[in-house]
Amino acid sequence: MLAAVRPEEEGQASGAQNAIRELGGVFGVAVLASVFSASGGYRTSETFVHGMNAAVWIGAGVVLLGAVASFAIGKTRVAARAEVVQAEPLAEAA
């Protein structure tokens, strides 16, 4: 995330990244706990395993989607920043 912003905006980007990370953790736990309780629970070992399997698979799917999105977004932003950095010395020389 910090590679996508100008150096003078790194503090704001870092704060936003930390806030989003914290919210993601809170909502992730809440959603996966809801999936666990809806699909199973603590009544028996079978219901526990059934609820845990459902929550783990949904969590893995969300992580996979996030990984695909990060690879797709990351390359375009880094390439655009590299072009800007290379163009700056030319502008200063003129």
C-alpha atoms as a PDB file:
ATOM      1  CA  MET A   1       0.000   0.000   0.000  1.00  0.00           C
ATOM      2  CA  LEU A   2       2.838   2.379   0.793  1.00  0.00           C
ATOM      3  CA  ALA A   3       4.371   1.809  -2.643  1.00  0.00           C
ATOM      4  CA  ALA A   4       1.255   3.260  -4.259  1.00  0.00           C
ATOM      5  CA  VAL A   5       1.431   6.703  -2.619  1.00  0.00           C
ATOM      6  CA  ARG A   6       3.800   9.654  -2.673  1.00  0.00           C
ATOM      7  CA  PRO A   7       6.348   9.848   0.174  1.00  0.00           C
ATOM      8  CA  GLU A   8       4.537  12.773   1.809  1.00  0.00           C
ATOM      9  CA  GLU A   9       1.327  10.677   2.022  1.00  0.00           C
ATOM     10  CA  GLU A  10       2.926   7.587   3.578  1.00  0.00           C
ATOM     11  CA  GLY A  11       1.708   8.414   7.101  1.00  0.00           C
ATOM     12  CA  GLN A  12      -1.914   8.638   5.996  1.00  0.00           C
ATOM     13  CA  ALA A  13      -1.616   5.458   3.923  1.00  0.00           C
ATOM     14  CA  SER A  14      -0.057   3.582   6.834  1.00  0.00           C
ATOM     15  CA  GLY A  15      -2.831   4.692   9.193  1.00  0.00           C
ATOM     16  CA  ALA A  16      -5.514   3.700   6.711  1.00  0.00           C
ATOM     17  CA  GLN A  17      -3.868   0.309   6.171  1.00  0.00           C
ATOM     18  CA  ASN A  18      -3.744  -0.385   9.917  1.00  0.00           C
ATOM     19  CA  ALA A  19      -7.386   0.656  10.398  1.00  0.00           C
ATOM     20  CA  ILE A  20      -8.535  -1.556   7.528  1.00  0.00           C
ATOM     21  CA  ARG A  21      -6.487  -4.480   8.875  1.00  0.00           C
ATOM     22  CA  GLU A  22      -8.077  -4.140  12.318  1.00  0.00           C
ATOM     23  CA  LEU A  23     -11.592  -3.909  10.888  1.00  0.00           C
ATOM     24  CA  GLY A  24     -10.928  -6.917   8.681  1.00  0.00           C
ATOM     25  CA  GLY A  25      -9.901  -8.945  11.705  1.00  0.00           C
ATOM     26  CA  VAL A  26     -12.950  -7.936  13.719  1.00  0.00           C
ATOM     27  CA  PHE A  27     -15.422  -8.599  10.909  1.00  0.00           C
ATOM     28  CA  GLY A  28     -13.635 -11.802   9.936  1.00  0.00           C
ATOM     29  CA  VAL A  29     -13.982 -13.250  13.416  1.00  0.00           C
ATOM     30  CA  ALA A  30     -17.625 -12.151  13.633  1.00  0.00           C
ATOM     31  CA  VAL A  31     -18.587 -13.595  10.244  1.00  0.00           C
ATOM     32  CA  LEU A  32     -16.735 -16.892  10.722  1.00  0.00           C
ATOM     33  CA  ALA A  33     -18.179 -17.306  14.224  1.00  0.00           C
ATOM     34  CA  SER A  34     -21.650 -16.777  12.745  1.00  0.00           C
ATOM     35  CA  VAL A  35     -20.970 -19.382  10.053  1.00  0.00           C
ATOM     36  CA  PHE A  36     -19.693 -21.782  12.706  1.00  0.00           C
ATOM     37  CA  SER A  37     -22.756 -21.367  14.893  1.00  0.00           C
ATOM     38  CA  ALA A  38     -25.182 -21.562  11.955  1.00  0.00           C
ATOM     39  CA  SER A  39     -23.579 -24.705  10.501  1.00  0.00           C
ATOM     40  CA  GLY A  40     -22.735 -26.509  13.718  1.00  0.00           C
ATOM     41  CA  GLY A  41     -21.930 -25.527  17.253  1.00  0.00           C
ATOM     42  CA  TYR A  42     -20.722 -27.010  20.518  1.00  0.00           C
ATOM     43  CA  ARG A  43     -23.520 -29.538  21.061  1.00  0.00           C
ATOM     44  CA  THR A  44     -21.598 -32.636  19.930  1.00  0.00           C
ATOM     45  CA  SER A  45     -18.250 -33.354  18.348  1.00  0.00           C
ATOM     46  CA  GLU A  46     -19.955 -33.904  14.980  1.00  0.00           C
ATOM     47  CA  THR A  47     -21.685 -30.520  15.019  1.00  0.00           C
ATOM     48  CA  PHE A  48     -18.425 -28.875  16.084  1.00  0.00           C
ATOM     49  CA  VAL A  49     -16.505 -30.425  13.187  1.00  0.00           C
ATOM     50  CA  HIS A  50     -19.278 -29.570  10.723  1.00  0.00           C
ATOM     51  CA  GLY A  51     -19.363 -25.929  11.825  1.00  0.00           C
ATOM     52  CA  MET A  52     -15.572 -25.660  11.864  1.00  0.00           C
ATOM     53  CA  ASN A  53     -15.263 -27.134   8.359  1.00  0.00           C
ATOM     54  CA  ALA A  54     -17.781 -24.650   6.975  1.00  0.00           C
ATOM     55  CA  ALA A  55     -16.042 -21.699   8.649  1.00  0.00           C
ATOM     56  CA  VAL A  56     -12.571 -22.791   7.492  1.00  0.00           C
ATOM     57  CA  TRP A  57     -13.682 -23.238   3.875  1.00  0.00           C
ATOM     58  CA  ILE A  58     -15.372 -19.844   3.787  1.00  0.00           C
ATOM     59  CA  GLY A  59     -12.329 -18.227   5.372  1.00  0.00           C
ATOM     60  CA  ALA A  60     -10.035 -19.899   2.842  1.00  0.00           C
ATOM     61  CA  GLY A  61     -12.233 -18.665  -0.002  1.00  0.00           C
ATOM     62  CA  VAL A  62     -12.069 -15.084   1.246  1.00  0.00           C
ATOM     63  CA  VAL A  63      -8.285 -15.298   1.587  1.00  0.00           C
ATOM     64  CA  LEU A  64      -8.017 -16.684  -1.948  1.00  0.00           C
ATOM     65  CA  LEU A  65     -10.131 -13.835  -3.329  1.00  0.00           C
ATOM     66  CA  GLY A  66      -7.982 -11.316  -1.481  1.00  0.00           C
ATOM     67  CA  ALA A  67      -4.785 -12.860  -2.850  1.00  0.00           C
ATOM     68  CA  VAL A  68      -6.075 -12.745  -6.423  1.00  0.00           C
ATOM     69  CA  ALA A  69      -7.179  -9.131  -5.977  1.00  0.00           C
ATOM     70  CA  SER A  70      -3.841  -8.096  -4.455  1.00  0.00           C
ATOM     71  CA  PHE A  71      -1.869  -9.584  -7.325  1.00  0.00           C
ATOM     72  CA  ALA A  72      -4.151  -7.965  -9.894  1.00  0.00           C
ATOM     73  CA  ILE A  73      -4.091  -4.540  -8.238  1.00  0.00           C
ATOM     74  CA  GLY A  74      -0.449  -4.547  -7.148  1.00  0.00           C
ATOM     75  CA  LYS A  75       1.170  -4.929 -10.562  1.00  0.00           C
ATOM     76  CA  THR A  76      -0.712  -2.098 -12.226  1.00  0.00           C
ATOM     77  CA  ARG A  77      -0.008   0.386  -9.429  1.00  0.00           C
ATOM     78  CA  VAL A  78       3.677  -0.481  -9.105  1.00  0.00           C
ATOM     79  CA  ALA A  79       4.153  -0.227 -12.874  1.00  0.00           C
ATOM     80  CA  ALA A  80       2.464   3.190 -12.925  1.00  0.00           C
ATOM     81  CA  ARG A  81       4.655   4.433 -10.067  1.00  0.00           C
ATOM     82  CA  ALA A  82       7.810   3.203 -11.837  1.00  0.00           C
ATOM     83  CA  GLU A  83       6.880   5.251 -14.888  1.00  0.00           C
ATOM     84  CA  VAL A  84       6.416   8.384 -12.751  1.00  0.00           C
ATOM     85  CA  VAL A  85       9.750   7.866 -10.958  1.00  0.00           C
ATOM     86  CA  GLN A  86      11.569   7.437 -14.271  1.00  0.00           C
ATOM     87  CA  ALA A  87       9.946  10.559 -15.738  1.00  0.00           C
ATOM     88  CA  GLU A  88      10.952  12.815 -12.811  1.00  0.00           C
ATOM     89  CA  PRO A  89      14.729  12.985 -13.590  1.00  0.00           C
ATOM     90  CA  LEU A  90      13.893  13.981 -17.145  1.00  0.00           C
ATOM     91  CA  ALA A  91      11.707  16.820 -15.911  1.00  0.00           C
ATOM     92  CA  GLU A  92      14.409  18.048 -13.517  1.00  0.00           C
ATOM     93  CA  ALA A  93      17.067  18.027 -16.259  1.00  0.00           C
ATOM     94  CA  ALA A  94      14.993  20.287 -18.497  1.00  0.00           C
END
